PDB file of N, CA and C in Angstrom:
ATOM      1  N   MET A   1     -27.817  -3.226  15.407  1.00  0.00           N
ATOM      2  CA  MET A   1     -26.386  -2.819  15.064  1.00  0.00           C
ATOM      3  C   MET A   1     -25.774  -3.541  13.796  1.00  0.00           C
ATOM      4  N   GLU A   2     -25.657  -3.353  12.431  1.00  0.00           N
ATOM      5  CA  GLU A   2     -25.645  -4.291  11.645  1.00  0.00           C
ATOM      6  C   GLU A   2     -24.054  -4.856  12.077  1.00  0.00           C
ATOM      7  N   TYR A   3     -23.750  -6.210  11.875  1.00  0.00           N
ATOM      8  CA  TYR A   3     -22.053  -6.439  11.748  1.00  0.00           C
ATOM      9  C   TYR A   3     -21.321  -6.656  10.343  1.00  0.00           C
ATOM     10  N   LYS A   4     -20.206  -6.619  10.595  1.00  0.00           N
ATOM     11  CA  LYS A   4     -19.416  -6.182   9.470  1.00  0.00           C
ATOM     12  C   LYS A   4     -18.575  -7.161   9.263  1.00  0.00           C
ATOM     13  N   THR A   5     -17.873  -8.333   8.246  1.00  0.00           N
ATOM     14  CA  THR A   5     -16.868  -9.277   8.125  1.00  0.00           C
ATOM     15  C   THR A   5     -15.480  -7.813   8.302  1.00  0.00           C
ATOM     16  N   LYS A   6     -14.453  -8.720   8.615  1.00  0.00           N
ATOM     17  CA  LYS A   6     -13.422  -8.068   8.447  1.00  0.00           C
ATOM     18  C   LYS A   6     -13.073  -7.633   7.331  1.00  0.00           C
ATOM     19  N   TYR A   7     -13.522  -8.362   5.816  1.00  0.00           N
ATOM     20  CA  TYR A   7     -13.313  -7.850   4.595  1.00  0.00           C
ATOM     21  C   TYR A   7     -13.945  -6.621   4.191  1.00  0.00           C
ATOM     22  N   GLU A   8     -15.389  -6.692   4.443  1.00  0.00           N
ATOM     23  CA  GLU A   8     -16.162  -5.413   4.828  1.00  0.00           C
ATOM     24  C   GLU A   8     -15.737  -4.063   5.825  1.00  0.00           C
ATOM     25  N   ILE A   9     -14.737  -4.570   6.049  1.00  0.00           N
ATOM     26  CA  ILE A   9     -14.418  -3.281   6.977  1.00  0.00           C
ATOM     27  C   ILE A   9     -12.739  -2.683   6.644  1.00  0.00           C
ATOM     28  N   ILE A  10     -11.949  -3.786   5.816  1.00  0.00           N
ATOM     29  CA  ILE A  10     -11.058  -3.081   5.202  1.00  0.00           C
ATOM     30  C   ILE A  10     -11.480  -2.634   3.847  1.00  0.00           C
ATOM     31  N   SER A  11     -12.399  -2.919   2.875  1.00  0.00           N
ATOM     32  CA  SER A  11     -13.277  -2.763   1.868  1.00  0.00           C
ATOM     33  C   SER A  11     -13.220  -1.074   1.745  1.00  0.00           C
ATOM     34  N   SER A  12     -13.882  -1.080   3.135  1.00  0.00           N
ATOM     35  CA  SER A  12     -14.623  -0.159   3.507  1.00  0.00           C
ATOM     36  C   SER A  12     -13.575   1.469   4.099  1.00  0.00           C
ATOM     37  N   ALA A  13     -12.293   0.940   4.714  1.00  0.00           N
ATOM     38  CA  ALA A  13     -11.555   1.781   4.565  1.00  0.00           C
ATOM     39  C   ALA A  13     -10.940   1.456   3.828  1.00  0.00           C
ATOM     40  N   LYS A  14     -10.642   0.660   2.810  1.00  0.00           N
ATOM     41  CA  LYS A  14      -9.565   1.375   1.490  1.00  0.00           C
ATOM     42  C   LYS A  14     -10.250   2.067   0.535  1.00  0.00           C
ATOM     43  N   GLN A  15     -11.668   2.217   0.246  1.00  0.00           N
ATOM     44  CA  GLN A  15     -12.211   3.191  -0.523  1.00  0.00           C
ATOM     45  C   GLN A  15     -12.622   4.480   0.354  1.00  0.00           C
ATOM     46  N   ILE A  16     -12.234   4.289   1.140  1.00  0.00           N
ATOM     47  CA  ILE A  16     -12.396   6.063   2.445  1.00  0.00           C
ATOM     48  C   ILE A  16     -10.920   7.302   1.751  1.00  0.00           C
ATOM     49  N   LEU A  17      -9.929   6.164   1.713  1.00  0.00           N
ATOM     50  CA  LEU A  17      -8.952   6.955   1.659  1.00  0.00           C
ATOM     51  C   LEU A  17      -8.217   6.695   0.133  1.00  0.00           C
ATOM     52  N   GLY A  18      -9.204   5.949  -0.684  1.00  0.00           N
ATOM     53  CA  GLY A  18      -8.932   6.428  -1.836  1.00  0.00           C
ATOM     54  C   GLY A  18      -7.747   5.190  -2.496  1.00  0.00           C
ATOM     55  N   LEU A  19      -7.728   4.252  -2.067  1.00  0.00           N
ATOM     56  CA  LEU A  19      -6.500   3.230  -2.517  1.00  0.00           C
ATOM     57  C   LEU A  19      -7.525   1.821  -3.611  1.00  0.00           C
ATOM     58  N   SER A  20      -6.112   1.553  -4.334  1.00  0.00           N
ATOM     59  CA  SER A  20      -6.823   0.961  -5.238  1.00  0.00           C
ATOM     60  C   SER A  20      -6.503  -0.819  -4.740  1.00  0.00           C
ATOM     61  N   GLY A  21      -6.673  -1.728  -5.141  1.00  0.00           N
ATOM     62  CA  GLY A  21      -6.509  -3.102  -5.011  1.00  0.00           C
ATOM     63  C   GLY A  21      -5.273  -3.616  -4.098  1.00  0.00           C
ATOM     64  N   PHE A  22      -4.439  -2.726  -4.652  1.00  0.00           N
ATOM     65  CA  PHE A  22      -2.604  -3.329  -3.874  1.00  0.00           C
ATOM     66  C   PHE A  22      -2.285  -1.592  -3.754  1.00  0.00           C
ATOM     67  N   ALA A  23      -1.393  -1.648  -2.609  1.00  0.00           N
ATOM     68  CA  ALA A  23      -0.845  -0.400  -2.266  1.00  0.00           C
ATOM     69  C   ALA A  23       0.491  -0.572  -1.583  1.00  0.00           C
ATOM     70  N   THR A  24       1.857   0.287  -1.430  1.00  0.00           N
ATOM     71  CA  THR A  24       2.541  -0.146  -0.676  1.00  0.00           C
ATOM     72  C   THR A  24       1.953   0.713   0.612  1.00  0.00           C
ATOM     73  N   THR A  25       3.020   0.503   1.497  1.00  0.00           N
ATOM     74  CA  THR A  25       3.068   1.595   2.622  1.00  0.00           C
ATOM     75  C   THR A  25       2.807   2.590   2.824  1.00  0.00           C
ATOM     76  N   ARG A  26       3.693   3.312   1.539  1.00  0.00           N
ATOM     77  CA  ARG A  26       3.960   4.666   1.188  1.00  0.00           C
ATOM     78  C   ARG A  26       2.857   5.132   0.381  1.00  0.00           C
ATOM     79  N   GLU A  27       2.143   4.155  -0.240  1.00  0.00           N
ATOM     80  CA  GLU A  27       1.204   4.848  -1.052  1.00  0.00           C
ATOM     81  C   GLU A  27       0.431   5.056  -0.244  1.00  0.00           C
ATOM     82  N   ILE A  28       0.028   4.204   0.843  1.00  0.00           N
ATOM     83  CA  ILE A  28      -1.418   4.486   2.548  1.00  0.00           C
ATOM     84  C   ILE A  28      -1.181   5.325   2.736  1.00  0.00           C
ATOM     85  N   LYS A  29       0.271   6.314   3.040  1.00  0.00           N
ATOM     86  CA  LYS A  29       0.638   6.988   4.278  1.00  0.00           C
ATOM     87  C   LYS A  29       0.057   8.067   3.185  1.00  0.00           C
ATOM     88  N   THR A  30       0.394   7.966   1.293  1.00  0.00           N
ATOM     89  CA  THR A  30       0.317   9.439   1.170  1.00  0.00           C
ATOM     90  C   THR A  30      -1.133   9.479   1.045  1.00  0.00           C
ATOM     91  N   CYS A  31      -2.347   8.316   0.427  1.00  0.00           N
ATOM     92  CA  CYS A  31      -3.543   8.759   0.252  1.00  0.00           C
ATOM     93  C   CYS A  31      -3.999   9.277   1.569  1.00  0.00           C
ATOM     94  N   PHE A  32      -3.820   8.668   2.368  1.00  0.00           N
ATOM     95  CA  PHE A  32      -3.835   9.572   3.980  1.00  0.00           C
ATOM     96  C   PHE A  32      -3.860  10.474   3.933  1.00  0.00           C
ATOM     97  N   LYS A  33      -2.301  11.328   4.231  1.00  0.00           N
ATOM     98  CA  LYS A  33      -2.152  13.031   3.783  1.00  0.00           C
ATOM     99  C   LYS A  33      -3.241  13.335   3.316  1.00  0.00           C
ATOM    100  N   ALA A  34      -3.373  13.227   1.459  1.00  0.00           N
ATOM    101  CA  ALA A  34      -3.819  14.033   0.614  1.00  0.00           C
ATOM    102  C   ALA A  34      -5.238  14.030   1.164  1.00  0.00           C
ATOM    103  N   GLN A  35      -5.986  12.635   1.912  1.00  0.00           N
ATOM    104  CA  GLN A  35      -7.448  13.225   2.085  1.00  0.00           C
ATOM    105  C   GLN A  35      -7.511  13.927   3.237  1.00  0.00           C
ATOM    106  N   ILE A  36      -6.948  13.539   4.281  1.00  0.00           N
ATOM    107  CA  ILE A  36      -7.254  14.303   5.679  1.00  0.00           C
ATOM    108  C   ILE A  36      -6.391  15.975   5.567  1.00  0.00           C
ATOM    109  N   SER A  37      -5.868  15.915   4.930  1.00  0.00           N
ATOM    110  CA  SER A  37      -5.385  17.635   4.514  1.00  0.00           C
ATOM    111  C   SER A  37      -6.710  17.987   3.204  1.00  0.00           C
ATOM    112  N   GLU A  38      -7.389  17.263   2.803  1.00  0.00           N
ATOM    113  CA  GLU A  38      -8.238  18.087   2.409  1.00  0.00           C
ATOM    114  C   GLU A  38     -10.130  18.576   3.497  1.00  0.00           C
ATOM    115  N   TRP A  39      -9.595  17.276   3.853  1.00  0.00           N
ATOM    116  CA  TRP A  39     -11.342  17.230   5.136  1.00  0.00           C
ATOM    117  C   TRP A  39     -10.403  17.711   6.424  1.00  0.00           C
ATOM    118  N   HIS A  40      -9.583  17.866   6.891  1.00  0.00           N
ATOM    119  CA  HIS A  40      -9.026  18.318   8.098  1.00  0.00           C
ATOM    120  C   HIS A  40      -9.803  20.080   8.609  1.00  0.00           C
ATOM    121  N   PRO A  41     -10.414  19.782   9.530  1.00  0.00           N
ATOM    122  CA  PRO A  41     -11.433  20.803   9.796  1.00  0.00           C
ATOM    123  C   PRO A  41     -11.126  22.357  10.169  1.00  0.00           C
ATOM    124  N   ASP A  42      -9.290  21.958  10.436  1.00  0.00           N
ATOM    125  CA  ASP A  42      -8.938  23.483  10.033  1.00  0.00           C
ATOM    126  C   ASP A  42      -9.064  24.278   8.728  1.00  0.00           C
ATOM    127  N   VAL A  43      -9.086  23.392   8.052  1.00  0.00           N
ATOM    128  CA  VAL A  43      -8.689  23.734   6.501  1.00  0.00           C
ATOM    129  C   VAL A  43      -9.875  23.314   5.412  1.00  0.00           C
ATOM    130  N   CYS A  44     -10.832  22.407   5.942  1.00  0.00           N
ATOM    131  CA  CYS A  44     -11.635  22.385   5.115  1.00  0.00           C
ATOM    132  C   CYS A  44     -12.248  23.528   4.958  1.00  0.00           C
ATOM    133  N   ARG A  45     -13.335  23.629   3.542  1.00  0.00           N
ATOM    134  CA  ARG A  45     -14.090  24.874   3.327  1.00  0.00           C
ATOM    135  C   ARG A  45     -15.885  24.322   3.609  1.00  0.00           C
ATOM    136  N   LYS A  46     -16.277  23.360   3.957  1.00  0.00           N
ATOM    137  CA  LYS A  46     -17.484  22.955   4.031  1.00  0.00           C
ATOM    138  C   LYS A  46     -17.944  23.320   5.464  1.00  0.00           C
ATOM    139  N   GLU A  47     -19.268  22.762   5.819  1.00  0.00           N
ATOM    140  CA  GLU A  47     -19.824  22.514   7.366  1.00  0.00           C
ATOM    141  C   GLU A  47     -18.312  21.827   7.903  1.00  0.00           C
ATOM    142  N   LYS A  48     -18.361  22.652   8.982  1.00  0.00           N
ATOM    143  CA  LYS A  48     -17.094  22.173  10.503  1.00  0.00           C
ATOM    144  C   LYS A  48     -17.812  20.590  11.004  1.00  0.00           C
ATOM    145  N   GLU A  49     -19.635  20.345  11.071  1.00  0.00           N
ATOM    146  CA  GLU A  49     -19.462  18.977  11.017  1.00  0.00           C
ATOM    147  C   GLU A  49     -19.161  18.425  10.322  1.00  0.00           C
ATOM    148  N   ILE A  50     -19.097  18.410   8.874  1.00  0.00           N
ATOM    149  CA  ILE A  50     -19.018  17.272   8.020  1.00  0.00           C
ATOM    150  C   ILE A  50     -17.593  17.045   8.036  1.00  0.00           C
ATOM    151  N   CYS A  51     -16.806  18.508   8.310  1.00  0.00           N
ATOM    152  CA  CYS A  51     -15.600  18.196   7.592  1.00  0.00           C
ATOM    153  C   CYS A  51     -14.737  17.210   9.033  1.00  0.00           C
ATOM    154  N   GLN A  52     -15.409  17.506  10.484  1.00  0.00           N
ATOM    155  CA  GLN A  52     -15.023  16.677  11.347  1.00  0.00           C
ATOM    156  C   GLN A  52     -15.642  14.724  11.309  1.00  0.00           C
ATOM    157  N   GLU A  53     -16.938  14.699  10.685  1.00  0.00           N
ATOM    158  CA  GLU A  53     -17.192  13.282  10.970  1.00  0.00           C
ATOM    159  C   GLU A  53     -16.266  12.760   9.821  1.00  0.00           C
ATOM    160  N   MET A  54     -15.993  13.165   8.342  1.00  0.00           N
ATOM    161  CA  MET A  54     -15.319  13.162   7.848  1.00  0.00           C
ATOM    162  C   MET A  54     -13.262  12.891   8.164  1.00  0.00           C
ATOM    163  N   ALA A  55     -13.683  13.686   8.706  1.00  0.00           N
ATOM    164  CA  ALA A  55     -11.574  13.310   8.986  1.00  0.00           C
ATOM    165  C   ALA A  55     -12.026  12.697  10.124  1.00  0.00           C
ATOM    166  N   LYS A  56     -12.847  12.492  10.945  1.00  0.00           N
ATOM    167  CA  LYS A  56     -13.057  10.802  11.635  1.00  0.00           C
ATOM    168  C   LYS A  56     -13.134   9.820  11.177  1.00  0.00           C
ATOM    169  N   LYS A  57     -13.506   9.319  10.238  1.00  0.00           N
ATOM    170  CA  LYS A  57     -13.482   8.167   9.255  1.00  0.00           C
ATOM    171  C   LYS A  57     -12.018   8.129   8.646  1.00  0.00           C
ATOM    172  N   ILE A  58     -11.726   9.129   8.074  1.00  0.00           N
ATOM    173  CA  ILE A  58     -10.366   9.206   7.374  1.00  0.00           C
ATOM    174  C   ILE A  58      -9.266   8.446   7.989  1.00  0.00           C
ATOM    175  N   ASN A  59      -9.315   9.265   9.454  1.00  0.00           N
ATOM    176  CA  ASN A  59      -8.508   8.951  10.919  1.00  0.00           C
ATOM    177  C   ASN A  59      -8.531   7.083  11.327  1.00  0.00           C
ATOM    178  N   ASP A  60      -9.856   6.714  11.201  1.00  0.00           N
ATOM    179  CA  ASP A  60     -10.539   5.947  11.523  1.00  0.00           C
ATOM    180  C   ASP A  60      -9.742   4.243  10.871  1.00  0.00           C
ATOM    181  N   ALA A  61     -10.088   4.900   9.258  1.00  0.00           N
ATOM    182  CA  ALA A  61      -9.540   4.236   8.100  1.00  0.00           C
ATOM    183  C   ALA A  61      -8.061   3.606   8.252  1.00  0.00           C
ATOM    184  N   TYR A  62      -7.181   5.468   8.131  1.00  0.00           N
ATOM    185  CA  TYR A  62      -5.987   4.707   8.372  1.00  0.00           C
ATOM    186  C   TYR A  62      -5.552   3.732   9.232  1.00  0.00           C
ATOM    187  N   ARG A  63      -5.951   4.021  10.213  1.00  0.00           N
ATOM    188  CA  ARG A  63      -5.768   3.142  11.400  1.00  0.00           C
ATOM    189  C   ARG A  63      -5.781   1.253  11.500  1.00  0.00           C
ATOM    190  N   CYS A  64      -7.374   1.768  10.618  1.00  0.00           N
ATOM    191  CA  CYS A  64      -7.866   0.272   9.955  1.00  0.00           C
ATOM    192  C   CYS A  64      -6.678  -0.140   9.411  1.00  0.00           C
ATOM    193  N   ILE A  65      -6.428   0.566   8.364  1.00  0.00           N
ATOM    194  CA  ILE A  65      -5.332  -0.306   7.535  1.00  0.00           C
ATOM    195  C   ILE A  65      -3.613  -0.861   7.364  1.00  0.00           C
ATOM    196  N   MET A  66      -3.623   0.325   8.650  1.00  0.00           N
ATOM    197  CA  MET A  66      -2.014  -0.075   9.325  1.00  0.00           C
ATOM    198  C   MET A  66      -2.268  -1.179  10.304  1.00  0.00           C
ATOM    199  N   GLU A  67      -3.428  -1.303  10.946  1.00  0.00           N
ATOM    200  CA  GLU A  67      -3.763  -2.648  11.738  1.00  0.00           C
ATOM    201  C   GLU A  67      -3.525  -3.736  11.196  1.00  0.00           C
ATOM    202  N   TYR A  68      -4.305  -3.797   9.826  1.00  0.00           N
ATOM    203  CA  TYR A  68      -4.503  -4.606   9.215  1.00  0.00           C
ATOM    204  C   TYR A  68      -2.503  -5.320   8.645  1.00  0.00           C
ATOM    205  N   CYS A  69      -2.104  -4.052   8.086  1.00  0.00           N
ATOM    206  CA  CYS A  69      -1.031  -4.660   7.728  1.00  0.00           C
ATOM    207  C   CYS A  69      -0.072  -5.179   8.715  1.00  0.00           C
ATOM    208  N   ALA A  70      -0.070  -4.580   9.888  1.00  0.00           N
ATOM    209  CA  ALA A  70       0.607  -4.802  10.896  1.00  0.00           C
ATOM    210  C   ALA A  70       0.545  -6.403  11.127  1.00  0.00           C
ATOM    211  N   GLN A  71      -0.487  -6.659  11.441  1.00  0.00           N
ATOM    212  CA  GLN A  71      -0.985  -7.986  11.546  1.00  0.00           C
ATOM    213  C   GLN A  71      -0.657  -8.940  10.209  1.00  0.00           C
ATOM    214  N   TYR A  72      -0.116  -8.572   9.138  1.00  0.00           N
ATOM    215  CA  TYR A  72       0.143  -9.489   8.151  1.00  0.00           C
ATOM    216  C   TYR A  72       0.912 -10.089   8.038  1.00  0.00           C
ATOM    217  N   GLN A  73       1.438 -11.269   7.481  1.00  0.00           N
ATOM    218  CA  GLN A  73       2.068 -12.403   7.280  1.00  0.00           C
ATOM    219  C   GLN A  73       3.213 -12.063   5.767  1.00  0.00           C
ATOM    220  N   TYR A  74       4.229 -11.724   6.185  1.00  0.00           N
ATOM    221  CA  TYR A  74       4.852 -11.443   4.828  1.00  0.00           C
ATOM    222  C   TYR A  74       5.895 -12.880   4.738  1.00  0.00           C
ATOM    223  N   SER A  75       5.994 -13.477   3.056  1.00  0.00           N
ATOM    224  CA  SER A  75       6.192 -14.901   2.920  1.00  0.00           C
ATOM    225  C   SER A  75       7.753 -14.018   2.554  1.00  0.00           C
ATOM    226  N   PHE A  76       8.727 -15.034   3.008  1.00  0.00           N
ATOM    227  CA  PHE A  76       9.996 -14.921   2.471  1.00  0.00           C
ATOM    228  C   PHE A  76      10.501 -15.741   2.033  1.00  0.00           C
ATOM    229  N   SER A  77       9.952 -16.946   1.293  1.00  0.00           N
ATOM    230  CA  SER A  77      10.072 -17.762   0.696  1.00  0.00           C
ATOM    231  C   SER A  77      10.955 -17.226  -0.878  1.00  0.00           C
ATOM    232  N   GLU A  78      11.826 -18.304  -1.488  1.00  0.00           N
ATOM    233  CA  GLU A  78      12.278 -17.954  -3.000  1.00  0.00           C
ATOM    234  C   GLU A  78      11.386 -17.528  -3.903  1.00  0.00           C
ATOM    235  N   GLU A  79      10.550 -18.213  -3.693  1.00  0.00           N
ATOM    236  CA  GLU A  79       9.302 -18.680  -5.019  1.00  0.00           C
ATOM    237  C   GLU A  79       8.621 -16.782  -4.942  1.00  0.00           C
ATOM    238  N   THR A  80       8.500 -16.504  -3.638  1.00  0.00           N
ATOM    239  CA  THR A  80       7.552 -14.930  -3.132  1.00  0.00           C
ATOM    240  C   THR A  80       8.562 -13.950  -3.661  1.00  0.00           C
ATOM    241  N   VAL A  81       9.641 -14.251  -3.207  1.00  0.00           N
ATOM    242  CA  VAL A  81      10.583 -13.069  -3.634  1.00  0.00           C
ATOM    243  C   VAL A  81      10.869 -12.626  -4.980  1.00  0.00           C
ATOM    244  N   LYS A  82      11.153 -13.841  -5.706  1.00  0.00           N
ATOM    245  CA  LYS A  82      11.593 -14.136  -7.282  1.00  0.00           C
ATOM    246  C   LYS A  82      10.213 -13.239  -8.046  1.00  0.00           C
ATOM    247  N   ARG A  83       9.268 -13.553  -7.522  1.00  0.00           N
ATOM    248  CA  ARG A  83       7.725 -12.483  -7.609  1.00  0.00           C
ATOM    249  C   ARG A  83       7.507 -11.272  -7.890  1.00  0.00           C
ATOM    250  N   HIS A  84       8.892 -10.682  -6.910  1.00  0.00           N
ATOM    251  CA  HIS A  84       8.867  -9.005  -7.062  1.00  0.00           C
ATOM    252  C   HIS A  84      10.124  -8.909  -7.262  1.00  0.00           C
ATOM    253  N   LEU A  85      11.027  -9.224  -8.328  1.00  0.00           N
ATOM    254  CA  LEU A  85      12.035  -8.649  -8.893  1.00  0.00           C
ATOM    255  C   LEU A  85      12.008  -7.479  -9.880  1.00  0.00           C
ATOM    256  N   SER A  86      12.504  -6.510  -9.904  1.00  0.00           N
ATOM    257  CA  SER A  86      12.891  -5.646 -10.921  1.00  0.00           C
ATOM    258  C   SER A  86      12.787  -5.919 -11.770  1.00  0.00           C
ATOM    259  N   PRO A  87      12.323  -5.745 -13.264  1.00  0.00           N
ATOM    260  CA  PRO A  87      12.909  -6.289 -14.500  1.00  0.00           C
ATOM    261  C   PRO A  87      14.391  -6.263 -14.460  1.00  0.00           C
ATOM    262  N   GLU A  88      15.280  -5.287 -14.172  1.00  0.00           N
ATOM    263  CA  GLU A  88      16.673  -5.804 -14.054  1.00  0.00           C
ATOM    264  C   GLU A  88      17.623  -6.658 -13.539  1.00  0.00           C
ATOM    265  N   GLN A  89      16.478  -7.148 -12.123  1.00  0.00           N
ATOM    266  CA  GLN A  89      16.978  -8.120 -11.553  1.00  0.00           C
ATOM    267  C   GLN A  89      16.523  -9.489 -12.166  1.00  0.00           C
ATOM    268  N   TRP A  90      15.324  -9.348 -12.651  1.00  0.00           N
ATOM    269  CA  TRP A  90      14.497 -10.467 -13.369  1.00  0.00           C
ATOM    270  C   TRP A  90      15.950 -10.756 -14.574  1.00  0.00           C
ATOM    271  N   TRP A  91      16.239  -9.618 -15.546  1.00  0.00           N
ATOM    272  CA  TRP A  91      17.256 -10.008 -16.684  1.00  0.00           C
ATOM    273  C   TRP A  91      18.153 -10.787 -15.975  1.00  0.00           C
ATOM    274  N   ASP A  92      18.770 -10.318 -14.850  1.00  0.00           N
ATOM    275  CA  ASP A  92      19.963 -10.385 -14.057  1.00  0.00           C
ATOM    276  C   ASP A  92      20.105 -11.847 -13.754  1.00  0.00           C
ATOM    277  N   GLU A  93      18.978 -12.638 -13.017  1.00  0.00           N
ATOM    278  CA  GLU A  93      18.577 -13.874 -12.473  1.00  0.00           C
ATOM    279  C   GLU A  93      18.580 -14.889 -14.211  1.00  0.00           C
ATOM    280  N   ARG A  94      18.263 -14.403 -14.883  1.00  0.00           N
ATOM    281  CA  ARG A  94      18.330 -15.397 -16.018  1.00  0.00           C
ATOM    282  C   ARG A  94      19.560 -15.277 -17.042  1.00  0.00           C
ATOM    283  N   PHE A  95      20.303 -13.721 -17.175  1.00  0.00           N
ATOM    284  CA  PHE A  95      21.165 -14.029 -18.217  1.00  0.00           C
ATOM    285  C   PHE A  95      22.258 -13.465 -18.124  1.00  0.00           C
ATOM    286  N   GLY A  96      22.293 -13.070 -16.005  1.00  0.00           N
ATOM    287  CA  GLY A  96      23.628 -12.280 -16.400  1.00  0.00           C
ATOM    288  C   GLY A  96      24.957 -12.497 -16.356  1.00  0.00           C
ATOM    289  N   ASP A  97      25.526 -13.919 -16.705  1.00  0.00           N
ATOM    290  CA  ASP A  97      26.751 -14.264 -16.450  1.00  0.00           C
ATOM    291  C   ASP A  97      27.024 -14.665 -18.135  1.00  0.00           C
ATOM    292  N   ASP A  98      26.003 -14.854 -19.034  1.00  0.00           N
ATOM    293  CA  ASP A  98      25.638 -15.228 -20.207  1.00  0.00           C
ATOM    294  C   ASP A  98      26.910 -14.275 -21.182  1.00  0.00           C
ATOM    295  N   PRO A  99      27.567 -14.780 -22.295  1.00  0.00           N
ATOM    296  CA  PRO A  99      28.368 -13.550 -22.873  1.00  0.00           C
ATOM    297  C   PRO A  99      27.885 -12.856 -23.878  1.00  0.00           C
ATOM    298  N   LEU A 100      26.468 -13.443 -24.107  1.00  0.00           N
ATOM    299  CA  LEU A 100      25.613 -12.953 -25.694  1.00  0.00           C
ATOM    300  C   LEU A 100      24.457 -11.981 -25.067  1.00  0.00           C
ATOM    301  N   TRP A 101      23.904 -12.290 -23.850  1.00  0.00           N
ATOM    302  CA  TRP A 101      22.663 -11.620 -23.163  1.00  0.00           C
ATOM    303  C   TRP A 101      22.779 -10.841 -21.974  1.00  0.00           C
ATOM    304  N   GLY A 102      23.833 -11.433 -21.105  1.00  0.00           N
ATOM    305  CA  GLY A 102      23.939 -10.605 -20.185  1.00  0.00           C
ATOM    306  C   GLY A 102      24.815  -9.681 -19.327  1.00  0.00           C
ATOM    307  N   ASN A 103      25.308  -9.083 -18.526  1.00  0.00           N
ATOM    308  CA  ASN A 103      25.745  -7.548 -18.378  1.00  0.00           C
ATOM    309  C   ASN A 103      27.115  -7.500 -18.415  1.00  0.00           C
ATOM    310  N   GLY A 104      27.565  -9.022 -18.420  1.00  0.00           N
ATOM    311  CA  GLY A 104      29.344  -8.946 -18.266  1.00  0.00           C
ATOM    312  C   GLY A 104      29.731  -9.086 -17.118  1.00  0.00           C
ATOM    313  N   MET A 105      28.957  -8.519 -15.891  1.00  0.00           N
ATOM    314  CA  MET A 105      29.495  -7.715 -14.650  1.00  0.00           C
ATOM    315  C   MET A 105      29.276  -9.337 -13.843  1.00  0.00           C
ATOM    316  N   LYS A 106      28.758 -10.177 -13.861  1.00  0.00           N
ATOM    317  CA  LYS A 106      28.970 -11.345 -13.086  1.00  0.00           C
ATOM    318  C   LYS A 106      29.765 -12.073 -13.020  1.00  0.00           C
ATOM    319  N   PRO A 107      30.245 -11.903 -11.721  1.00  0.00           N
ATOM    320  CA  PRO A 107      32.213 -12.778 -11.538  1.00  0.00           C
ATOM    321  C   PRO A 107      31.945 -14.334 -11.765  1.00  0.00           C
ATOM    322  N   LYS A 108      32.576 -15.189 -13.137  1.00  0.00           N
ATOM    323  CA  LYS A 108      32.781 -16.364 -12.917  1.00  0.00           C
ATOM    324  C   LYS A 108      32.507 -17.136 -12.017  1.00  0.00           C
ATOM    325  N   LYS A 109      31.867 -18.129 -12.058  1.00  0.00           N
ATOM    326  CA  LYS A 109      32.131 -18.703 -11.031  1.00  0.00           C
ATOM    327  C   LYS A 109      33.027 -20.154 -10.882  1.00  0.00           C
TER     328      LYS A 109
END
């Protein structure tokens, strides 16, 4: 039996689900639903054995990805949070109370 690293297992699962290099939980679930709705044995128009095998692979891939995500450690540091600001939040962080560039909504300190 061939040994696979954790990265190889995750990469294979990512490919089966059709995920890109980065994905949100919502995107993972959407890709899973799209794949399983295509390959579910009750709706798949290909040979039943092929559909069953593919549905099993899709379910296993989804379980693998979700277990990986459940074990992922999120950083809540200020630096990390600031990397994920929306464009509006980024602008407000820099120019929020500026009389010329700000939105004029930020209370004076």
